[in-house]
C-alpha atoms as a PDB file:
ATOM      1  CA  MET A   1       0.000   0.000   0.000  1.00  0.00           C
ATOM      2  CA  GLU A   2       1.659   3.186  -1.208  1.00  0.00           C
ATOM      3  CA  LEU A   3       0.354   5.463   1.559  1.00  0.00           C
ATOM      4  CA  ALA A   4       1.569   3.063   4.255  1.00  0.00           C
ATOM      5  CA  GLU A   5       5.021   2.968   2.661  1.00  0.00           C
ATOM      6  CA  GLN A   6       5.170   6.761   2.588  1.00  0.00           C
ATOM      7  CA  VAL A   7       4.128   6.981   6.254  1.00  0.00           C
ATOM      8  CA  CYS A   8       6.763   4.432   7.282  1.00  0.00           C
ATOM      9  CA  ALA A   9       9.345   6.439   5.341  1.00  0.00           C
ATOM     10  CA  GLY A  10       8.596   9.407   7.609  1.00  0.00           C
ATOM     11  CA  ASP A  11       6.717  11.501   5.051  1.00  0.00           C
ATOM     12  CA  ARG A  12       4.892  14.093   7.191  1.00  0.00           C
ATOM     13  CA  ARG A  13       2.393  14.972   4.442  1.00  0.00           C
ATOM     14  CA  ALA A  14       1.556  11.286   4.010  1.00  0.00           C
ATOM     15  CA  LEU A  15       1.104  10.986   7.783  1.00  0.00           C
ATOM     16  CA  ALA A  16      -1.361  13.893   7.733  1.00  0.00           C
ATOM     17  CA  GLN A  17      -3.252  12.237   4.867  1.00  0.00           C
ATOM     18  CA  ALA A  18      -3.282   8.933   6.732  1.00  0.00           C
ATOM     19  CA  ILE A  19      -4.758  10.513   9.876  1.00  0.00           C
ATOM     20  CA  THR A  20      -7.391  12.325   7.796  1.00  0.00           C
ATOM     21  CA  LEU A  21      -8.375   8.965   6.315  1.00  0.00           C
ATOM     22  CA  ILE A  22      -8.399   7.337   9.749  1.00  0.00           C
ATOM     23  CA  GLU A  23     -10.661  10.051  11.163  1.00  0.00           C
ATOM     24  CA  SER A  24     -13.154   9.911   8.281  1.00  0.00           C
ATOM     25  CA  THR A  25     -16.584   8.434   8.970  1.00  0.00           C
ATOM     26  CA  ARG A  26     -17.358   7.502   5.363  1.00  0.00           C
ATOM     27  CA  ASP A  27     -17.828   3.744   4.919  1.00  0.00           C
ATOM     28  CA  ASP A  28     -15.364   3.480   2.029  1.00  0.00           C
ATOM     29  CA  HIS A  29     -12.806   5.511   3.967  1.00  0.00           C
ATOM     30  CA  ARG A  30     -13.260   3.313   7.042  1.00  0.00           C
ATOM     31  CA  ARG A  31     -12.477   0.200   4.988  1.00  0.00           C
ATOM     32  CA  ALA A  32      -9.407   1.887   3.502  1.00  0.00           C
ATOM     33  CA  ALA A  33      -8.335   3.036   6.954  1.00  0.00           C
ATOM     34  CA  GLU A  34      -8.535  -0.503   8.337  1.00  0.00           C
ATOM     35  CA  SER A  35      -6.337  -1.767   5.496  1.00  0.00           C
ATOM     36  CA  LEU A  36      -3.892   1.070   6.148  1.00  0.00           C
ATOM     37  CA  LEU A  37      -3.700   0.308   9.854  1.00  0.00           C
ATOM     38  CA  GLU A  38      -3.088  -3.383   9.178  1.00  0.00           C
ATOM     39  CA  ALA A  39      -0.132  -2.389   7.000  1.00  0.00           C
ATOM     40  CA  LEU A  40       1.192   0.038   9.627  1.00  0.00           C
ATOM     41  CA  LEU A  41       0.732  -2.188  12.683  1.00  0.00           C
ATOM     42  CA  PRO A  42       4.013  -4.157  12.322  1.00  0.00           C
ATOM     43  CA  HIS A  43       5.891  -0.828  12.413  1.00  0.00           C
ATOM     44  CA  THR A  44       4.320   0.435  15.652  1.00  0.00           C
ATOM     45  CA  GLY A  45       5.123   0.001  19.335  1.00  0.00           C
ATOM     46  CA  GLN A  46       8.585   1.566  19.533  1.00  0.00           C
ATOM     47  CA  SER A  47       7.514   5.013  20.789  1.00  0.00           C
ATOM     48  CA  ILE A  48       6.692   6.033  24.320  1.00  0.00           C
ATOM     49  CA  ARG A  49       3.111   7.249  24.603  1.00  0.00           C
ATOM     50  CA  LEU A  50       2.452  10.093  27.029  1.00  0.00           C
ATOM     51  CA  GLY A  51      -0.968  11.469  27.929  1.00  0.00           C
ATOM     52  CA  ILE A  52      -1.110  15.059  29.205  1.00  0.00           C
ATOM     53  CA  SER A  53      -4.188  16.455  30.923  1.00  0.00           C
ATOM     54  CA  GLY A  54      -5.163  19.378  33.136  1.00  0.00           C
ATOM     55  CA  VAL A  55      -7.825  22.015  33.546  1.00  0.00           C
ATOM     56  CA  PRO A  56      -8.094  24.846  30.989  1.00  0.00           C
ATOM     57  CA  GLY A  57      -5.541  27.554  31.758  1.00  0.00           C
ATOM     58  CA  VAL A  58      -2.992  25.229  33.344  1.00  0.00           C
ATOM     59  CA  GLY A  59      -0.651  25.775  30.405  1.00  0.00           C
ATOM     60  CA  LYS A  60      -0.799  22.431  28.595  1.00  0.00           C
ATOM     61  CA  SER A  61       0.158  23.875  25.209  1.00  0.00           C
ATOM     62  CA  THR A  62       3.017  25.927  26.673  1.00  0.00           C
ATOM     63  CA  PHE A  63       4.241  22.869  28.563  1.00  0.00           C
ATOM     64  CA  ILE A  64       4.088  20.666  25.473  1.00  0.00           C
ATOM     65  CA  GLU A  65       6.006  23.209  23.406  1.00  0.00           C
ATOM     66  CA  SER A  66       8.740  23.515  26.049  1.00  0.00           C
ATOM     67  CA  PHE A  67       8.839  19.767  26.699  1.00  0.00           C
ATOM     68  CA  GLY A  68       8.766  18.920  22.985  1.00  0.00           C
ATOM     69  CA  GLN A  69      11.583  21.346  22.236  1.00  0.00           C
ATOM     70  CA  HIS A  70      13.658  19.768  25.000  1.00  0.00           C
ATOM     71  CA  LEU A  71      13.104  16.326  23.451  1.00  0.00           C
ATOM     72  CA  ILE A  72      14.068  17.581  19.992  1.00  0.00           C
ATOM     73  CA  ASP A  73      17.254  19.115  21.415  1.00  0.00           C
ATOM     74  CA  ALA A  74      17.968  15.648  22.841  1.00  0.00           C
ATOM     75  CA  GLY A  75      17.654  14.108  19.371  1.00  0.00           C
ATOM     76  CA  LYS A  76      14.079  12.838  19.614  1.00  0.00           C
ATOM     77  CA  ARG A  77      11.265  13.141  17.076  1.00  0.00           C
ATOM     78  CA  VAL A  78       8.003  14.272  18.664  1.00  0.00           C
ATOM     79  CA  ALA A  79       4.379  13.869  17.558  1.00  0.00           C
ATOM     80  CA  VAL A  80       1.588  15.790  19.288  1.00  0.00           C
ATOM     81  CA  LEU A  81      -2.073  14.829  18.998  1.00  0.00           C
ATOM     82  CA  ALA A  82      -3.926  17.819  20.431  1.00  0.00           C
ATOM     83  CA  VAL A  83      -7.608  17.164  21.049  1.00  0.00           C
ATOM     84  CA  ASP A  84      -9.915  20.216  20.998  1.00  0.00           C
ATOM     85  CA  PRO A  85     -13.522  20.345  22.234  1.00  0.00           C
ATOM     86  CA  SER A  86     -16.313  20.401  19.673  1.00  0.00           C
ATOM     87  CA  SER A  87     -19.316  22.681  20.044  1.00  0.00           C
ATOM     88  CA  GLN A  88     -22.503  20.894  21.085  1.00  0.00           C
ATOM     89  CA  ILE A  89     -24.437  23.468  19.030  1.00  0.00           C
ATOM     90  CA  SER A  90     -22.555  23.821  15.748  1.00  0.00           C
ATOM     91  CA  GLY A  91     -20.325  20.756  15.924  1.00  0.00           C
ATOM     92  CA  GLY A  92     -17.358  22.991  15.100  1.00  0.00           C
ATOM     93  CA  SER A  93     -14.007  23.100  16.871  1.00  0.00           C
ATOM     94  CA  ILE A  94     -11.462  25.859  17.367  1.00  0.00           C
ATOM     95  CA  LEU A  95      -8.408  23.621  16.803  1.00  0.00           C
ATOM     96  CA  GLY A  96      -6.135  26.348  18.137  1.00  0.00           C
ATOM     97  CA  ASP A  97      -3.396  24.273  19.781  1.00  0.00           C
ATOM     98  CA  LYS A  98      -1.135  24.314  16.733  1.00  0.00           C
ATOM     99  CA  THR A  99      -1.052  28.116  16.762  1.00  0.00           C
ATOM    100  CA  ARG A 100      -0.160  28.067  20.472  1.00  0.00           C
ATOM    101  CA  MET A 101       2.863  25.820  19.756  1.00  0.00           C
ATOM    102  CA  GLU A 102       4.343  28.027  17.076  1.00  0.00           C
ATOM    103  CA  GLN A 103       8.015  27.181  17.660  1.00  0.00           C
ATOM    104  CA  LEU A 104       7.390  23.449  17.904  1.00  0.00           C
ATOM    105  CA  ALA A 105       5.129  23.496  14.834  1.00  0.00           C
ATOM    106  CA  GLN A 106       7.989  24.878  12.738  1.00  0.00           C
ATOM    107  CA  SER A 107      10.429  22.122  13.676  1.00  0.00           C
ATOM    108  CA  PRO A 108      10.974  19.392  11.051  1.00  0.00           C
ATOM    109  CA  GLN A 109      11.408  16.943  13.947  1.00  0.00           C
ATOM    110  CA  ALA A 110       7.897  17.593  15.255  1.00  0.00           C
ATOM    111  CA  PHE A 111       4.418  16.803  13.979  1.00  0.00           C
ATOM    112  CA  ILE A 112       1.353  18.476  15.499  1.00  0.00           C
ATOM    113  CA  ARG A 113      -2.134  17.308  14.660  1.00  0.00           C
ATOM    114  CA  PRO A 114      -5.168  19.053  16.190  1.00  0.00           C
ATOM    115  CA  THR A 115      -8.304  16.908  16.274  1.00  0.00           C
ATOM    116  CA  PRO A 116     -11.897  17.699  17.337  1.00  0.00           C
ATOM    117  CA  THR A 117     -13.602  15.460  19.895  1.00  0.00           C
ATOM    118  CA  ALA A 118     -16.771  15.405  17.729  1.00  0.00           C
ATOM    119  CA  GLY A 119     -18.790  14.582  20.836  1.00  0.00           C
ATOM    120  CA  THR A 120     -16.556  11.783  22.118  1.00  0.00           C
ATOM    121  CA  GLN A 121     -16.353  11.716  25.914  1.00  0.00           C
ATOM    122  CA  GLY A 122     -13.234  11.286  28.032  1.00  0.00           C
ATOM    123  CA  GLY A 123     -11.098  14.121  26.678  1.00  0.00           C
ATOM    124  CA  VAL A 124      -9.938  12.345  23.516  1.00  0.00           C
ATOM    125  CA  ALA A 125     -11.282  11.821  20.009  1.00  0.00           C
ATOM    126  CA  ARG A 126     -12.614   8.439  18.874  1.00  0.00           C
ATOM    127  CA  ARG A 127      -9.724   7.814  16.479  1.00  0.00           C
ATOM    128  CA  THR A 128      -6.922   9.140  18.690  1.00  0.00           C
ATOM    129  CA  ARG A 129      -5.602   5.607  19.220  1.00  0.00           C
ATOM    130  CA  GLU A 130      -5.342   4.897  15.507  1.00  0.00           C
ATOM    131  CA  ALA A 131      -3.715   8.278  14.856  1.00  0.00           C
ATOM    132  CA  MET A 132      -1.178   7.456  17.562  1.00  0.00           C
ATOM    133  CA  LEU A 133      -0.276   4.205  15.790  1.00  0.00           C
ATOM    134  CA  ALA A 134       0.221   6.089  12.515  1.00  0.00           C
ATOM    135  CA  CYS A 135       2.620   8.476  14.276  1.00  0.00           C
ATOM    136  CA  GLU A 136       4.562   5.545  15.677  1.00  0.00           C
ATOM    137  CA  ALA A 137       4.814   3.929  12.245  1.00  0.00           C
ATOM    138  CA  ALA A 138       6.176   7.247  10.926  1.00  0.00           C
ATOM    139  CA  GLY A 139       9.126   6.897  13.298  1.00  0.00           C
ATOM    140  CA  PHE A 140       8.320   9.387  16.048  1.00  0.00           C
ATOM    141  CA  ASP A 141      10.080   8.538  19.308  1.00  0.00           C
ATOM    142  CA  VAL A 142       7.587  10.248  21.611  1.00  0.00           C
ATOM    143  CA  VAL A 143       3.838  10.632  21.033  1.00  0.00           C
ATOM    144  CA  LEU A 144       2.126  13.224  23.232  1.00  0.00           C
ATOM    145  CA  ILE A 145      -1.654  13.194  23.536  1.00  0.00           C
ATOM    146  CA  GLU A 146      -3.016  16.476  24.877  1.00  0.00           C
ATOM    147  CA  THR A 147      -6.565  16.063  26.146  1.00  0.00           C
ATOM    148  CA  VAL A 148      -9.366  18.607  26.006  1.00  0.00           C
ATOM    149  CA  GLY A 149      -9.026  19.726  29.603  1.00  0.00           C
ATOM    150  CA  VAL A 150     -12.509  19.279  31.040  1.00  0.00           C
ATOM    151  CA  GLY A 151     -11.678  17.909  34.483  1.00  0.00           C
ATOM    152  CA  GLN A 152     -12.428  14.647  36.262  1.00  0.00           C
ATOM    153  CA  SER A 153     -13.992  12.912  33.234  1.00  0.00           C
ATOM    154  CA  GLU A 154     -10.699  12.847  31.360  1.00  0.00           C
ATOM    155  CA  THR A 155      -9.729   9.295  32.184  1.00  0.00           C
ATOM    156  CA  ALA A 156     -10.015   7.695  28.729  1.00  0.00           C
ATOM    157  CA  VAL A 157      -6.512   8.848  27.814  1.00  0.00           C
ATOM    158  CA  ALA A 158      -5.041   6.637  30.552  1.00  0.00           C
ATOM    159  CA  ASP A 159      -6.304   3.602  28.600  1.00  0.00           C
ATOM    160  CA  MET A 160      -4.178   4.423  25.557  1.00  0.00           C
ATOM    161  CA  VAL A 161      -0.844   5.724  26.862  1.00  0.00           C
ATOM    162  CA  ASP A 162       2.163   4.311  28.671  1.00  0.00           C
ATOM    163  CA  MET A 163       2.370   7.170  31.165  1.00  0.00           C
ATOM    164  CA  PHE A 164      -0.240   9.697  32.271  1.00  0.00           C
ATOM    165  CA  LEU A 165       0.927  13.208  33.202  1.00  0.00           C
ATOM    166  CA  LEU A 166      -1.434  15.553  35.065  1.00  0.00           C
ATOM    167  CA  LEU A 167      -0.749  19.299  35.151  1.00  0.00           C
ATOM    168  CA  LEU A 168      -1.973  21.411  38.064  1.00  0.00           C
ATOM    169  CA  LEU A 169      -2.071  25.112  38.865  1.00  0.00           C
ATOM    170  CA  PRO A 170      -0.496  26.612  41.987  1.00  0.00           C
ATOM    171  CA  GLY A 171      -2.587  28.801  44.251  1.00  0.00           C
ATOM    172  CA  SER A 172      -5.957  27.715  42.864  1.00  0.00           C
ATOM    173  CA  GLY A 173      -7.455  27.450  46.339  1.00  0.00           C
ATOM    174  CA  ASP A 174      -8.714  23.873  45.877  1.00  0.00           C
ATOM    175  CA  GLU A 175      -5.450  22.029  45.628  1.00  0.00           C
ATOM    176  CA  LEU A 176      -6.693  18.777  47.111  1.00  0.00           C
ATOM    177  CA  GLN A 177     -10.129  18.760  45.517  1.00  0.00           C
ATOM    178  CA  GLY A 178      -8.810  16.585  42.707  1.00  0.00           C
ATOM    179  CA  LEU A 179      -7.895  13.755  45.034  1.00  0.00           C
ATOM    180  CA  LYS A 180     -10.955  11.664  44.257  1.00  0.00           C
ATOM    181  CA  ARG A 181     -11.336   8.252  42.694  1.00  0.00           C
ATOM    182  CA  GLY A 182     -10.665   9.585  39.246  1.00  0.00           C
ATOM    183  CA  ILE A 183      -8.142  11.456  37.242  1.00  0.00           C
ATOM    184  CA  VAL A 184      -5.519  12.045  39.954  1.00  0.00           C
ATOM    185  CA  GLU A 185      -5.559   8.394  40.958  1.00  0.00           C
ATOM    186  CA  LEU A 186      -4.599   7.493  37.386  1.00  0.00           C
ATOM    187  CA  ALA A 187      -1.715   9.970  37.139  1.00  0.00           C
ATOM    188  CA  ASP A 188       1.785   8.491  37.024  1.00  0.00           C
ATOM    189  CA  LEU A 189       3.314  11.956  37.362  1.00  0.00           C
ATOM    190  CA  VAL A 190       1.713  15.090  38.804  1.00  0.00           C
ATOM    191  CA  ILE A 191       3.252  18.351  37.598  1.00  0.00           C
ATOM    192  CA  VAL A 192       2.561  21.706  39.227  1.00  0.00           C
ATOM    193  CA  ASN A 193       3.147  24.141  36.379  1.00  0.00           C
ATOM    194  CA  LYS A 194       3.723  27.918  36.479  1.00  0.00           C
ATOM    195  CA  ALA A 195       6.270  27.634  39.309  1.00  0.00           C
ATOM    196  CA  ASP A 196       7.760  31.028  38.526  1.00  0.00           C
ATOM    197  CA  GLY A 197       7.613  34.609  39.786  1.00  0.00           C
ATOM    198  CA  ASP A 198       5.278  35.123  42.723  1.00  0.00           C
ATOM    199  CA  LEU A 199       3.892  31.593  42.370  1.00  0.00           C
ATOM    200  CA  ILE A 200       7.090  29.688  43.175  1.00  0.00           C
ATOM    201  CA  ASP A 201       6.271  29.282  46.882  1.00  0.00           C
ATOM    202  CA  ALA A 202       2.627  28.421  46.165  1.00  0.00           C
ATOM    203  CA  ALA A 203       3.691  25.785  43.639  1.00  0.00           C
ATOM    204  CA  GLY A 204       6.009  24.221  46.213  1.00  0.00           C
ATOM    205  CA  ARG A 205       3.219  24.068  48.791  1.00  0.00           C
ATOM    206  CA  VAL A 206       0.788  22.486  46.349  1.00  0.00           C
ATOM    207  CA  ALA A 207       3.402  19.915  45.309  1.00  0.00           C
ATOM    208  CA  GLY A 208       4.036  19.039  48.939  1.00  0.00           C
ATOM    209  CA  GLU A 209       0.331  18.660  49.700  1.00  0.00           C
ATOM    210  CA  TYR A 210      -0.193  16.366  46.721  1.00  0.00           C
ATOM    211  CA  ALA A 211       2.913  14.322  47.504  1.00  0.00           C
ATOM    212  CA  ASN A 212       1.628  13.685  51.024  1.00  0.00           C
ATOM    213  CA  ALA A 213      -1.910  12.945  49.876  1.00  0.00           C
ATOM    214  CA  LEU A 214      -0.845  10.559  47.091  1.00  0.00           C
ATOM    215  CA  HIS A 215       0.639   8.256  49.717  1.00  0.00           C
ATOM    216  CA  LEU A 216      -2.946   7.544  50.794  1.00  0.00           C
ATOM    217  CA  LEU A 217      -3.894   6.259  47.347  1.00  0.00           C
ATOM    218  CA  ARG A 218      -3.172   2.817  46.024  1.00  0.00           C
ATOM    219  CA  PRO A 219      -0.551   2.935  43.226  1.00  0.00           C
ATOM    220  CA  ALA A 220      -1.840   2.111  39.746  1.00  0.00           C
ATOM    221  CA  THR A 221       0.998  -0.386  39.400  1.00  0.00           C
ATOM    222  CA  PRO A 222       3.202  -2.054  42.046  1.00  0.00           C
ATOM    223  CA  TYR A 223       6.289  -1.116  40.038  1.00  0.00           C
ATOM    224  CA  TRP A 224       5.894   2.664  40.236  1.00  0.00           C
ATOM    225  CA  THR A 225       4.950   5.210  42.870  1.00  0.00           C
ATOM    226  CA  SER A 226       3.462   8.401  41.435  1.00  0.00           C
ATOM    227  CA  ARG A 227       5.668  11.457  41.843  1.00  0.00           C
ATOM    228  CA  VAL A 228       4.926  15.158  42.185  1.00  0.00           C
ATOM    229  CA  VAL A 229       7.207  17.847  40.730  1.00  0.00           C
ATOM    230  CA  THR A 230       7.092  21.544  39.912  1.00  0.00           C
ATOM    231  CA  CYS A 231       8.102  23.253  36.693  1.00  0.00           C
ATOM    232  CA  SER A 232       7.794  26.464  34.735  1.00  0.00           C
ATOM    233  CA  ALA A 233       6.956  25.710  31.127  1.00  0.00           C
ATOM    234  CA  LEU A 234       7.289  29.427  30.381  1.00  0.00           C
ATOM    235  CA  GLU A 235      10.862  29.621  31.686  1.00  0.00           C
ATOM    236  CA  GLY A 236      11.793  26.024  30.857  1.00  0.00           C
ATOM    237  CA  THR A 237      12.798  25.160  34.413  1.00  0.00           C
ATOM    238  CA  GLY A 238      12.246  21.581  35.549  1.00  0.00           C
ATOM    239  CA  ILE A 239      11.521  20.289  32.033  1.00  0.00           C
ATOM    240  CA  GLY A 240      14.690  18.196  31.858  1.00  0.00           C
ATOM    241  CA  ASP A 241      13.882  16.626  35.240  1.00  0.00           C
ATOM    242  CA  ILE A 242      10.448  15.623  33.963  1.00  0.00           C
ATOM    243  CA  TRP A 243      11.934  13.807  30.957  1.00  0.00           C
ATOM    244  CA  GLN A 244      14.350  12.012  33.301  1.00  0.00           C
ATOM    245  CA  ILE A 245      11.382  10.831  35.375  1.00  0.00           C
ATOM    246  CA  VAL A 246       9.695   9.586  32.198  1.00  0.00           C
ATOM    247  CA  GLU A 247      12.822   7.595  31.369  1.00  0.00           C
ATOM    248  CA  ASP A 248      12.973   6.244  34.934  1.00  0.00           C
ATOM    249  CA  TYR A 249       9.334   5.182  34.625  1.00  0.00           C
ATOM    250  CA  ARG A 250       9.950   3.466  31.300  1.00  0.00           C
ATOM    251  CA  ALA A 251      12.956   1.598  32.709  1.00  0.00           C
ATOM    252  CA  ALA A 252      11.051   0.458  35.815  1.00  0.00           C
ATOM    253  CA  MET A 253       8.030  -0.735  33.829  1.00  0.00           C
ATOM    254  CA  THR A 254      10.100  -2.422  31.128  1.00  0.00           C
ATOM    255  CA  ALA A 255      12.170  -4.311  33.690  1.00  0.00           C
ATOM    256  CA  GLU A 256       9.003  -5.976  35.004  1.00  0.00           C
ATOM    257  CA  SER A 257       7.416  -6.501  31.548  1.00  0.00           C
ATOM    258  CA  ALA A 258       4.663  -4.168  32.752  1.00  0.00           C
ATOM    259  CA  PHE A 259       4.768  -2.131  29.539  1.00  0.00           C
ATOM    260  CA  GLU A 260       3.779  -5.139  27.456  1.00  0.00           C
ATOM    261  CA  ASP A 261       1.065  -6.153  29.916  1.00  0.00           C
ATOM    262  CA  ARG A 262      -0.365  -2.649  30.045  1.00  0.00           C
ATOM    263  CA  ARG A 263      -0.458  -2.307  26.270  1.00  0.00           C
ATOM    264  CA  ALA A 264      -2.084  -5.725  25.905  1.00  0.00           C
ATOM    265  CA  GLN A 265      -4.812  -4.745  28.368  1.00  0.00           C
ATOM    266  CA  GLN A 266      -5.300  -1.424  26.570  1.00  0.00           C
ATOM    267  CA  ALA A 267      -5.669  -3.213  23.231  1.00  0.00           C
ATOM    268  CA  ARG A 268      -8.366  -5.430  24.723  1.00  0.00           C
ATOM    269  CA  THR A 269     -10.196  -2.398  26.147  1.00  0.00           C
ATOM    270  CA  TRP A 270      -9.846  -0.670  22.782  1.00  0.00           C
ATOM    271  CA  MET A 271     -11.452  -3.652  21.027  1.00  0.00           C
ATOM    272  CA  TRP A 272     -14.545  -3.607  23.270  1.00  0.00           C
ATOM    273  CA  ARG A 273     -14.944   0.159  22.999  1.00  0.00           C
ATOM    274  CA  GLU A 274     -14.880  -0.206  19.244  1.00  0.00           C
ATOM    275  CA  VAL A 275     -17.603  -2.864  19.547  1.00  0.00           C
ATOM    276  CA  ASP A 276     -19.685  -0.490  21.694  1.00  0.00           C
ATOM    277  CA  ASP A 277     -19.244   2.427  19.288  1.00  0.00           C
ATOM    278  CA  SER A 278     -20.001   0.297  16.223  1.00  0.00           C
ATOM    279  CA  LEU A 279     -23.126  -1.197  17.795  1.00  0.00           C
ATOM    280  CA  LEU A 280     -24.421   2.256  18.694  1.00  0.00           C
ATOM    281  CA  ALA A 281     -23.729   3.513  15.173  1.00  0.00           C
ATOM    282  CA  SER A 282     -25.571   0.509  13.680  1.00  0.00           C
ATOM    283  CA  PHE A 283     -28.470   1.062  16.070  1.00  0.00           C
ATOM    284  CA  ARG A 284     -28.888   4.730  15.119  1.00  0.00           C
ATOM    285  CA  ALA A 285     -28.593   3.944  11.390  1.00  0.00           C
ATOM    286  CA  ASN A 286     -31.254   1.232  11.511  1.00  0.00           C
ATOM    287  CA  PRO A 287     -34.347   2.285   9.453  1.00  0.00           C
ATOM    288  CA  ALA A 288     -36.794   0.725  11.921  1.00  0.00           C
ATOM    289  CA  VAL A 289     -35.229   2.655  14.789  1.00  0.00           C
ATOM    290  CA  ASP A 290     -35.050   5.868  12.794  1.00  0.00           C
ATOM    291  CA  ALA A 291     -38.749   5.572  11.923  1.00  0.00           C
ATOM    292  CA  ARG A 292     -39.766   5.603  15.599  1.00  0.00           C
ATOM    293  CA  ILE A 293     -37.288   8.098  17.070  1.00  0.00           C
ATOM    294  CA  SER A 294     -39.333  11.283  16.450  1.00  0.00           C
ATOM    295  CA  GLU A 295     -42.529   9.726  17.777  1.00  0.00           C
ATOM    296  CA  LEU A 296     -40.936   8.374  20.940  1.00  0.00           C
ATOM    297  CA  GLU A 297     -38.934  11.538  21.590  1.00  0.00           C
ATOM    298  CA  ALA A 298     -42.147  13.565  21.371  1.00  0.00           C
ATOM    299  CA  GLN A 299     -43.853  11.279  23.896  1.00  0.00           C
ATOM    300  CA  VAL A 300     -40.909  11.529  26.281  1.00  0.00           C
ATOM    301  CA  GLU A 301     -40.840  15.320  25.977  1.00  0.00           C
ATOM    302  CA  ALA A 302     -44.601  15.477  26.592  1.00  0.00           C
ATOM    303  CA  GLY A 303     -44.257  13.307  29.698  1.00  0.00           C
ATOM    304  CA  SER A 304     -46.603  10.607  28.372  1.00  0.00           C
ATOM    305  CA  LEU A 305     -43.829   7.997  28.201  1.00  0.00           C
ATOM    306  CA  THR A 306     -40.845   7.369  30.439  1.00  0.00           C
ATOM    307  CA  PRO A 307     -37.345   7.528  28.908  1.00  0.00           C
ATOM    308  CA  ALA A 308     -36.775   3.905  29.969  1.00  0.00           C
ATOM    309  CA  ALA A 309     -39.910   2.713  28.177  1.00  0.00           C
ATOM    310  CA  ALA A 310     -38.997   4.694  25.067  1.00  0.00           C
ATOM    311  CA  ALA A 311     -35.521   3.177  25.073  1.00  0.00           C
ATOM    312  CA  GLN A 312     -36.984  -0.321  25.336  1.00  0.00           C
ATOM    313  CA  ALA A 313     -39.319   0.427  22.423  1.00  0.00           C
ATOM    314  CA  LEU A 314     -36.380   1.509  20.258  1.00  0.00           C
ATOM    315  CA  LEU A 315     -34.419  -1.595  21.228  1.00  0.00           C
ATOM    316  CA  ALA A 316     -37.394  -3.778  20.419  1.00  0.00           C
ATOM    317  CA  ALA A 317     -37.675  -2.149  16.970  1.00  0.00           C
ATOM    318  CA  PHE A 318     -33.983  -2.776  16.428  1.00  0.00           C
ATOM    319  CA  ARG A 319     -34.206  -6.455  17.406  1.00  0.00           C
ATOM    320  CA  GLN A 320     -37.258  -7.054  15.227  1.00  0.00           C
ATOM    321  CA  ALA A 321     -35.542  -5.458  12.238  1.00  0.00           C
ATOM    322  CA  GLU A 322     -32.566  -7.727  12.705  1.00  0.00           C
END
């Protein structure tokens, strides 16, 4: 397959075309995308996959630009999959991350791809996993997945990366509010960003509070204890230390074969999510279901039928049609 060969040769334009094909929802494009991914799969798996999340305003894009530039200076090739939220009204997306990483976007050793969520929950787009594999096949050493930044619901990214990095703000006034059964529990590294100027002391206090509190949580893996560090993405301080921690994490997990086990489990989860998504798409596209949707929605809105009963009626129409 010519496109697969071009991607594996490191052709950035071909990689962009491949991801566009992968993200397409057209039936003929989906079949072509599956064939492409089968051709690319033997060339994947050599990169380290890092997920980066945090609330809006924490400086994810600034951090990624500083971190990515550090990796490039160290001889690495870096791919960034930046997921932007889609409007629930228009379906549109700003896709502004590439403009916020201007220096990194100009580097021939970096590839930045903004992608809309298109309604997908969990802070990532539906085809982020496949796009990540395409980047790996293109020879990128590090693949960074920047999530939308919507808070505690952003846990889906942890099911597709090797290491999950969570960025926090100093002096937000609710430093320990995030310590719930959720996003913080999944973080392999907690980074308090913006540790510069008047916020240096506040960043240190927040880091200390999280370090103490994380001891109360059960580690995600017995081979690694989550760490908390501070950095200033704006000034570039602490960035090198963060990459060293990533390398320490990779060495610890590889030594115990935990990387392979984690990726195998993620692939299994990925398979079942694809089944769920495909079943839902088939359900909505079913003519018998489509014929009853307006009627049942009207009854639910009028209060003459419960949502549960309406759902059962749609399922019954689907089963009968099958």
